[in-house]
Amino acid sequence: MALKDRFDKIISYFDTDDVSENEVHEVQERTSVQRDSRAATAQEASQRSHMTNSAEEEMIGSRPRTSTYNPNRQERQRVQRDNSYQQATPRIQNKDSVRQQREQVTIALKYPRKYEDAQEIVDLLIVNECVLIDFQYMLDAQARRCLDYIDGASRVLYGSLQKVGSSMFLLTPANVMVDIEEMNIPKTGQETSFDFDMKRR
């Protein structure tokens, strides 16, 4: 606990936002209460050890103690260490399962209908979700603008934007790798080249 208190003091030294006199007094009261409770706990522990030592001496009799070696005490300490290790092990395993749950990849399917929907798609990329975007319900000019915005955001966020269909694009965050084979996309009635800088004829 002493180490934790030191860190709290160091952190509070640098924390100057909205410090009031009441907060300072509350912190001082809490630390004094913690010190008092620690002192009481230490006294109880010393009394218990004194009582167990006197009980052991009574059992041994009037024989003088020549050594401080106590195998029972060492055995108890070893058992306590083993118990604390066993209690800590499930926490580590729980953290691994939480990591696996966090690493699950979610793919959102979006059909943007207006340019403002692009911000929602970028927000999904920010929280590391993959997005499959289908521009079939947008006009050509709006789709180009939307795609330009999404492409810029994906480059800033180190994401990837790949064309997977005639009007579909896959937007992935940096931690997701996609291997798409070369495919021939059939031409449909809607032109989907979406060249940003080229004018149409």
C-alpha atoms as a PDB file:
ATOM      1  CA  MET A   1       0.000   0.000   0.000  1.00  0.00           C
ATOM      2  CA  ALA A   2       2.927   2.314   0.661  1.00  0.00           C
ATOM      3  CA  LEU A   3       3.925   2.076  -2.986  1.00  0.00           C
ATOM      4  CA  LYS A   4       0.378   2.889  -4.064  1.00  0.00           C
ATOM      5  CA  ASP A   5       0.296   5.905  -1.743  1.00  0.00           C
ATOM      6  CA  ARG A   6       3.579   7.138  -3.201  1.00  0.00           C
ATOM      7  CA  PHE A   7       2.196   6.893  -6.728  1.00  0.00           C
ATOM      8  CA  ASP A   8      -0.975   8.692  -5.648  1.00  0.00           C
ATOM      9  CA  LYS A   9       1.112  11.489  -4.157  1.00  0.00           C
ATOM     10  CA  ILE A  10       3.240  11.766  -7.292  1.00  0.00           C
ATOM     11  CA  ILE A  11       0.163  11.864  -9.510  1.00  0.00           C
ATOM     12  CA  SER A  12      -1.584  14.387  -7.282  1.00  0.00           C
ATOM     13  CA  TYR A  13       1.521  16.602  -7.427  1.00  0.00           C
ATOM     14  CA  PHE A  14       1.104  16.999 -11.177  1.00  0.00           C
ATOM     15  CA  ASP A  15      -2.696  17.170 -11.078  1.00  0.00           C
ATOM     16  CA  THR A  16      -3.589  20.868 -10.746  1.00  0.00           C
ATOM     17  CA  ASP A  17      -6.964  20.959 -12.480  1.00  0.00           C
ATOM     18  CA  ASP A  18      -9.807  22.150 -10.245  1.00  0.00           C
ATOM     19  CA  VAL A  19      -8.090  21.500  -6.918  1.00  0.00           C
ATOM     20  CA  SER A  20     -10.053  22.919  -4.035  1.00  0.00           C
ATOM     21  CA  GLU A  21      -9.427  23.093  -0.307  1.00  0.00           C
ATOM     22  CA  ASN A  22     -12.171  20.519   0.353  1.00  0.00           C
ATOM     23  CA  GLU A  23     -10.509  17.966  -1.900  1.00  0.00           C
ATOM     24  CA  VAL A  24      -7.168  18.481  -0.172  1.00  0.00           C
ATOM     25  CA  HIS A  25      -8.768  17.953   3.249  1.00  0.00           C
ATOM     26  CA  GLU A  26     -10.620  14.855   2.027  1.00  0.00           C
ATOM     27  CA  VAL A  27      -7.387  13.341   0.709  1.00  0.00           C
ATOM     28  CA  GLN A  28      -5.598  14.084   3.977  1.00  0.00           C
ATOM     29  CA  GLU A  29      -8.431  12.519   5.980  1.00  0.00           C
ATOM     30  CA  ARG A  30      -8.421   9.410   3.796  1.00  0.00           C
ATOM     31  CA  THR A  31      -4.673   8.958   4.139  1.00  0.00           C
ATOM     32  CA  SER A  32      -4.827   9.393   7.920  1.00  0.00           C
ATOM     33  CA  VAL A  33      -7.677   6.849   8.128  1.00  0.00           C
ATOM     34  CA  GLN A  34      -5.659   4.440   5.981  1.00  0.00           C
ATOM     35  CA  ARG A  35      -2.604   4.891   8.210  1.00  0.00           C
ATOM     36  CA  ASP A  36      -4.708   4.295  11.328  1.00  0.00           C
ATOM     37  CA  SER A  37      -6.260   1.146   9.855  1.00  0.00           C
ATOM     38  CA  ARG A  38      -2.821  -0.137   8.806  1.00  0.00           C
ATOM     39  CA  ALA A  39      -1.428   0.513  12.282  1.00  0.00           C
ATOM     40  CA  ALA A  40      -4.393  -1.282  13.876  1.00  0.00           C
ATOM     41  CA  THR A  41      -3.957  -4.236  11.518  1.00  0.00           C
ATOM     42  CA  ALA A  42      -0.246  -4.417  12.309  1.00  0.00           C
ATOM     43  CA  GLN A  43      -0.960  -4.332  16.040  1.00  0.00           C
ATOM     44  CA  GLU A  44      -3.527  -7.119  15.714  1.00  0.00           C
ATOM     45  CA  ALA A  45      -1.079  -9.219  13.735  1.00  0.00           C
ATOM     46  CA  SER A  46       1.685  -8.714  16.303  1.00  0.00           C
ATOM     47  CA  GLN A  47      -0.733  -9.602  19.117  1.00  0.00           C
ATOM     48  CA  ARG A  48      -1.783 -12.758  17.296  1.00  0.00           C
ATOM     49  CA  SER A  49       1.811 -13.794  16.702  1.00  0.00           C
ATOM     50  CA  HIS A  50       2.639 -13.043  20.342  1.00  0.00           C
ATOM     51  CA  MET A  51      -0.333 -15.142  21.468  1.00  0.00           C
ATOM     52  CA  THR A  52       0.639 -18.050  19.221  1.00  0.00           C
ATOM     53  CA  ASN A  53       4.250 -17.834  20.392  1.00  0.00           C
ATOM     54  CA  SER A  54       3.172 -17.910  24.052  1.00  0.00           C
ATOM     55  CA  ALA A  55       0.843 -20.836  23.339  1.00  0.00           C
ATOM     56  CA  GLU A  56       3.682 -22.724  21.656  1.00  0.00           C
ATOM     57  CA  GLU A  57       5.957 -22.023  24.613  1.00  0.00           C
ATOM     58  CA  GLU A  58       3.335 -23.396  26.987  1.00  0.00           C
ATOM     59  CA  MET A  59       3.061 -26.547  24.887  1.00  0.00           C
ATOM     60  CA  ILE A  60       6.812 -26.972  24.752  1.00  0.00           C
ATOM     61  CA  GLY A  61       7.081 -26.442  28.467  1.00  0.00           C
ATOM     62  CA  SER A  62       9.871 -24.795  30.314  1.00  0.00           C
ATOM     63  CA  ARG A  63      12.425 -25.779  27.707  1.00  0.00           C
ATOM     64  CA  PRO A  64      14.428 -22.692  26.602  1.00  0.00           C
ATOM     65  CA  ARG A  65      14.316 -21.725  22.958  1.00  0.00           C
ATOM     66  CA  THR A  66      17.756 -21.750  21.438  1.00  0.00           C
ATOM     67  CA  SER A  67      16.842 -21.218  17.804  1.00  0.00           C
ATOM     68  CA  THR A  68      14.490 -18.915  15.899  1.00  0.00           C
ATOM     69  CA  TYR A  69      13.913 -21.526  13.217  1.00  0.00           C
ATOM     70  CA  ASN A  70      10.216 -22.379  13.068  1.00  0.00           C
ATOM     71  CA  PRO A  71       9.294 -24.935  10.388  1.00  0.00           C
ATOM     72  CA  ASN A  72       5.563 -24.481  10.997  1.00  0.00           C
ATOM     73  CA  ARG A  73       5.786 -20.761  10.300  1.00  0.00           C
ATOM     74  CA  GLN A  74       7.755 -21.306   7.098  1.00  0.00           C
ATOM     75  CA  GLU A  75       5.258 -23.933   5.983  1.00  0.00           C
ATOM     76  CA  ARG A  76       2.361 -21.524   6.594  1.00  0.00           C
ATOM     77  CA  GLN A  77       4.113 -18.805   4.592  1.00  0.00           C
ATOM     78  CA  ARG A  78       4.715 -21.191   1.708  1.00  0.00           C
ATOM     79  CA  VAL A  79       1.043 -22.233   1.707  1.00  0.00           C
ATOM     80  CA  GLN A  80      -0.040 -18.583   1.740  1.00  0.00           C
ATOM     81  CA  ARG A  81       2.231 -17.805  -1.233  1.00  0.00           C
ATOM     82  CA  ASP A  82       0.836 -20.786  -3.131  1.00  0.00           C
ATOM     83  CA  ASN A  83      -2.736 -19.687  -2.403  1.00  0.00           C
ATOM     84  CA  SER A  84      -2.040 -16.131  -3.537  1.00  0.00           C
ATOM     85  CA  TYR A  85      -0.457 -17.465  -6.744  1.00  0.00           C
ATOM     86  CA  GLN A  86      -3.484 -19.661  -7.420  1.00  0.00           C
ATOM     87  CA  GLN A  87      -5.794 -16.707  -6.872  1.00  0.00           C
ATOM     88  CA  ALA A  88      -3.777 -14.554  -9.291  1.00  0.00           C
ATOM     89  CA  THR A  89      -3.695 -17.196 -12.044  1.00  0.00           C
ATOM     90  CA  PRO A  90      -7.438 -16.994 -12.943  1.00  0.00           C
ATOM     91  CA  ARG A  91      -7.093 -13.235 -13.340  1.00  0.00           C
ATOM     92  CA  ILE A  92      -4.384 -13.749 -15.939  1.00  0.00           C
ATOM     93  CA  GLN A  93      -6.501 -16.315 -17.762  1.00  0.00           C
ATOM     94  CA  ASN A  94      -9.484 -13.947 -17.676  1.00  0.00           C
ATOM     95  CA  LYS A  95      -7.346 -11.209 -19.261  1.00  0.00           C
ATOM     96  CA  ASP A  96      -6.446 -13.584 -22.100  1.00  0.00           C
ATOM     97  CA  SER A  97     -10.114 -14.323 -22.772  1.00  0.00           C
ATOM     98  CA  VAL A  98     -10.890 -10.586 -22.727  1.00  0.00           C
ATOM     99  CA  ARG A  99      -8.121  -9.995 -25.285  1.00  0.00           C
ATOM    100  CA  GLN A 100      -9.576 -12.684 -27.529  1.00  0.00           C
ATOM    101  CA  GLN A 101     -12.994 -11.066 -27.305  1.00  0.00           C
ATOM    102  CA  ARG A 102     -11.500  -7.676 -28.172  1.00  0.00           C
ATOM    103  CA  GLU A 103      -9.686  -9.157 -31.157  1.00  0.00           C
ATOM    104  CA  GLN A 104     -12.894 -10.409 -32.748  1.00  0.00           C
ATOM    105  CA  VAL A 105     -13.465  -8.572 -35.995  1.00  0.00           C
ATOM    106  CA  THR A 106     -16.848  -7.065 -36.798  1.00  0.00           C
ATOM    107  CA  ILE A 107     -17.840  -6.257 -40.366  1.00  0.00           C
ATOM    108  CA  ALA A 108     -20.533  -3.639 -40.836  1.00  0.00           C
ATOM    109  CA  LEU A 109     -22.504  -3.468 -44.088  1.00  0.00           C
ATOM    110  CA  LYS A 110     -23.457   0.086 -45.078  1.00  0.00           C
ATOM    111  CA  TYR A 111     -25.602   1.408 -47.912  1.00  0.00           C
ATOM    112  CA  PRO A 112     -24.959   5.159 -47.866  1.00  0.00           C
ATOM    113  CA  ARG A 113     -27.738   7.237 -49.400  1.00  0.00           C
ATOM    114  CA  LYS A 114     -26.240  10.705 -48.898  1.00  0.00           C
ATOM    115  CA  TYR A 115     -22.824  12.276 -48.401  1.00  0.00           C
ATOM    116  CA  GLU A 116     -23.358  12.756 -44.656  1.00  0.00           C
ATOM    117  CA  ASP A 117     -23.388   8.964 -44.178  1.00  0.00           C
ATOM    118  CA  ALA A 118     -19.645   8.940 -44.883  1.00  0.00           C
ATOM    119  CA  GLN A 119     -18.922  10.291 -41.394  1.00  0.00           C
ATOM    120  CA  GLU A 120     -20.721   7.325 -39.833  1.00  0.00           C
ATOM    121  CA  ILE A 121     -18.601   4.963 -41.932  1.00  0.00           C
ATOM    122  CA  VAL A 122     -15.380   6.691 -40.832  1.00  0.00           C
ATOM    123  CA  ASP A 123     -16.515   6.506 -37.191  1.00  0.00           C
ATOM    124  CA  LEU A 124     -16.755   2.734 -37.572  1.00  0.00           C
ATOM    125  CA  LEU A 125     -13.197   2.669 -38.920  1.00  0.00           C
ATOM    126  CA  ILE A 126     -12.023   4.687 -35.913  1.00  0.00           C
ATOM    127  CA  VAL A 127     -13.306   1.962 -33.549  1.00  0.00           C
ATOM    128  CA  ASN A 128     -11.484  -0.690 -35.653  1.00  0.00           C
ATOM    129  CA  GLU A 129     -14.469  -2.182 -37.432  1.00  0.00           C
ATOM    130  CA  CYS A 130     -14.400  -3.373 -41.017  1.00  0.00           C
ATOM    131  CA  VAL A 131     -17.024  -1.792 -43.258  1.00  0.00           C
ATOM    132  CA  LEU A 132     -18.422  -3.157 -46.501  1.00  0.00           C
ATOM    133  CA  ILE A 133     -19.815  -0.168 -48.394  1.00  0.00           C
ATOM    134  CA  ASP A 134     -22.288  -0.497 -51.255  1.00  0.00           C
ATOM    135  CA  PHE A 135     -22.888   2.707 -53.229  1.00  0.00           C
ATOM    136  CA  GLN A 136     -25.833   1.360 -55.247  1.00  0.00           C
ATOM    137  CA  TYR A 137     -28.304   3.853 -53.714  1.00  0.00           C
ATOM    138  CA  MET A 138     -26.183   6.968 -54.354  1.00  0.00           C
ATOM    139  CA  LEU A 139     -25.904   9.169 -57.380  1.00  0.00           C
ATOM    140  CA  ASP A 140     -22.590   9.006 -59.191  1.00  0.00           C
ATOM    141  CA  ALA A 141     -21.337  12.451 -58.116  1.00  0.00           C
ATOM    142  CA  GLN A 142     -22.274  11.890 -54.487  1.00  0.00           C
ATOM    143  CA  ALA A 143     -20.673   8.449 -54.509  1.00  0.00           C
ATOM    144  CA  ARG A 144     -17.409   9.921 -55.805  1.00  0.00           C
ATOM    145  CA  ARG A 145     -17.388  12.609 -53.117  1.00  0.00           C
ATOM    146  CA  CYS A 146     -18.229  10.085 -50.415  1.00  0.00           C
ATOM    147  CA  LEU A 147     -15.563   7.677 -51.619  1.00  0.00           C
ATOM    148  CA  ASP A 148     -13.000  10.481 -51.752  1.00  0.00           C
ATOM    149  CA  TYR A 149     -13.783  11.429 -48.139  1.00  0.00           C
ATOM    150  CA  ILE A 150     -13.624   7.813 -46.950  1.00  0.00           C
ATOM    151  CA  ASP A 151     -10.376   7.187 -48.825  1.00  0.00           C
ATOM    152  CA  GLY A 152      -8.752  10.238 -47.241  1.00  0.00           C
ATOM    153  CA  ALA A 153      -9.884   9.195 -43.778  1.00  0.00           C
ATOM    154  CA  SER A 154      -8.640   5.649 -44.307  1.00  0.00           C
ATOM    155  CA  ARG A 155      -5.191   6.938 -45.258  1.00  0.00           C
ATOM    156  CA  VAL A 156      -5.042   9.164 -42.174  1.00  0.00           C
ATOM    157  CA  LEU A 157      -6.118   6.261 -39.936  1.00  0.00           C
ATOM    158  CA  TYR A 158      -3.779   3.811 -41.731  1.00  0.00           C
ATOM    159  CA  GLY A 159      -6.737   1.834 -42.999  1.00  0.00           C
ATOM    160  CA  SER A 160      -7.255   0.187 -46.342  1.00  0.00           C
ATOM    161  CA  LEU A 161      -9.949   0.746 -48.979  1.00  0.00           C
ATOM    162  CA  GLN A 162     -10.350  -1.957 -51.630  1.00  0.00           C
ATOM    163  CA  LYS A 163     -12.860  -2.394 -54.420  1.00  0.00           C
ATOM    164  CA  VAL A 164     -14.629  -5.748 -54.108  1.00  0.00           C
ATOM    165  CA  GLY A 165     -17.581  -5.350 -56.454  1.00  0.00           C
ATOM    166  CA  SER A 166     -19.043  -3.119 -59.128  1.00  0.00           C
ATOM    167  CA  SER A 167     -20.288  -0.638 -56.535  1.00  0.00           C
ATOM    168  CA  MET A 168     -18.873  -2.193 -53.354  1.00  0.00           C
ATOM    169  CA  PHE A 169     -15.766  -1.268 -51.390  1.00  0.00           C
ATOM    170  CA  LEU A 170     -14.217  -2.872 -48.317  1.00  0.00           C
ATOM    171  CA  LEU A 171     -12.826  -0.493 -45.699  1.00  0.00           C
ATOM    172  CA  THR A 172     -10.561  -2.162 -43.126  1.00  0.00           C
ATOM    173  CA  PRO A 173      -8.514  -0.849 -40.186  1.00  0.00           C
ATOM    174  CA  ALA A 174      -4.746  -1.250 -40.012  1.00  0.00           C
ATOM    175  CA  ASN A 175      -4.868  -4.469 -37.956  1.00  0.00           C
ATOM    176  CA  VAL A 176      -6.898  -6.380 -40.587  1.00  0.00           C
ATOM    177  CA  MET A 177      -5.262  -7.842 -43.671  1.00  0.00           C
ATOM    178  CA  VAL A 178      -7.415  -8.719 -46.689  1.00  0.00           C
ATOM    179  CA  ASP A 179      -6.155 -10.848 -49.564  1.00  0.00           C
ATOM    180  CA  ILE A 180      -8.390 -10.347 -52.587  1.00  0.00           C
ATOM    181  CA  GLU A 181      -7.671 -12.314 -55.729  1.00  0.00           C
ATOM    182  CA  GLU A 182      -7.877 -10.550 -59.043  1.00  0.00           C
ATOM    183  CA  MET A 183     -11.462 -10.777 -60.179  1.00  0.00           C
ATOM    184  CA  ASN A 184     -13.222  -9.599 -63.277  1.00  0.00           C
ATOM    185  CA  ILE A 185     -16.080  -7.394 -62.227  1.00  0.00           C
ATOM    186  CA  PRO A 186     -18.896  -7.438 -64.788  1.00  0.00           C
ATOM    187  CA  LYS A 187     -20.009  -4.101 -66.138  1.00  0.00           C
ATOM    188  CA  THR A 188     -23.535  -3.168 -65.186  1.00  0.00           C
ATOM    189  CA  GLY A 189     -25.714  -0.239 -66.105  1.00  0.00           C
ATOM    190  CA  GLN A 190     -24.106   1.946 -63.456  1.00  0.00           C
ATOM    191  CA  GLU A 191     -20.618   3.259 -64.134  1.00  0.00           C
ATOM    192  CA  THR A 192     -18.472   2.692 -61.058  1.00  0.00           C
ATOM    193  CA  SER A 193     -14.963   3.710 -61.957  1.00  0.00           C
ATOM    194  CA  PHE A 194     -15.031   6.583 -59.434  1.00  0.00           C
ATOM    195  CA  ASP A 195     -11.875   8.180 -60.702  1.00  0.00           C
ATOM    196  CA  PHE A 196     -11.519  11.175 -58.442  1.00  0.00           C
ATOM    197  CA  ASP A 197      -9.638  13.538 -60.710  1.00  0.00           C
ATOM    198  CA  MET A 198     -10.882  12.531 -64.140  1.00  0.00           C
ATOM    199  CA  LYS A 199     -13.917  14.039 -65.816  1.00  0.00           C
ATOM    200  CA  ARG A 200     -16.439  11.805 -67.477  1.00  0.00           C
ATOM    201  CA  ARG A 201     -17.105  12.003 -71.208  1.00  0.00           C
END
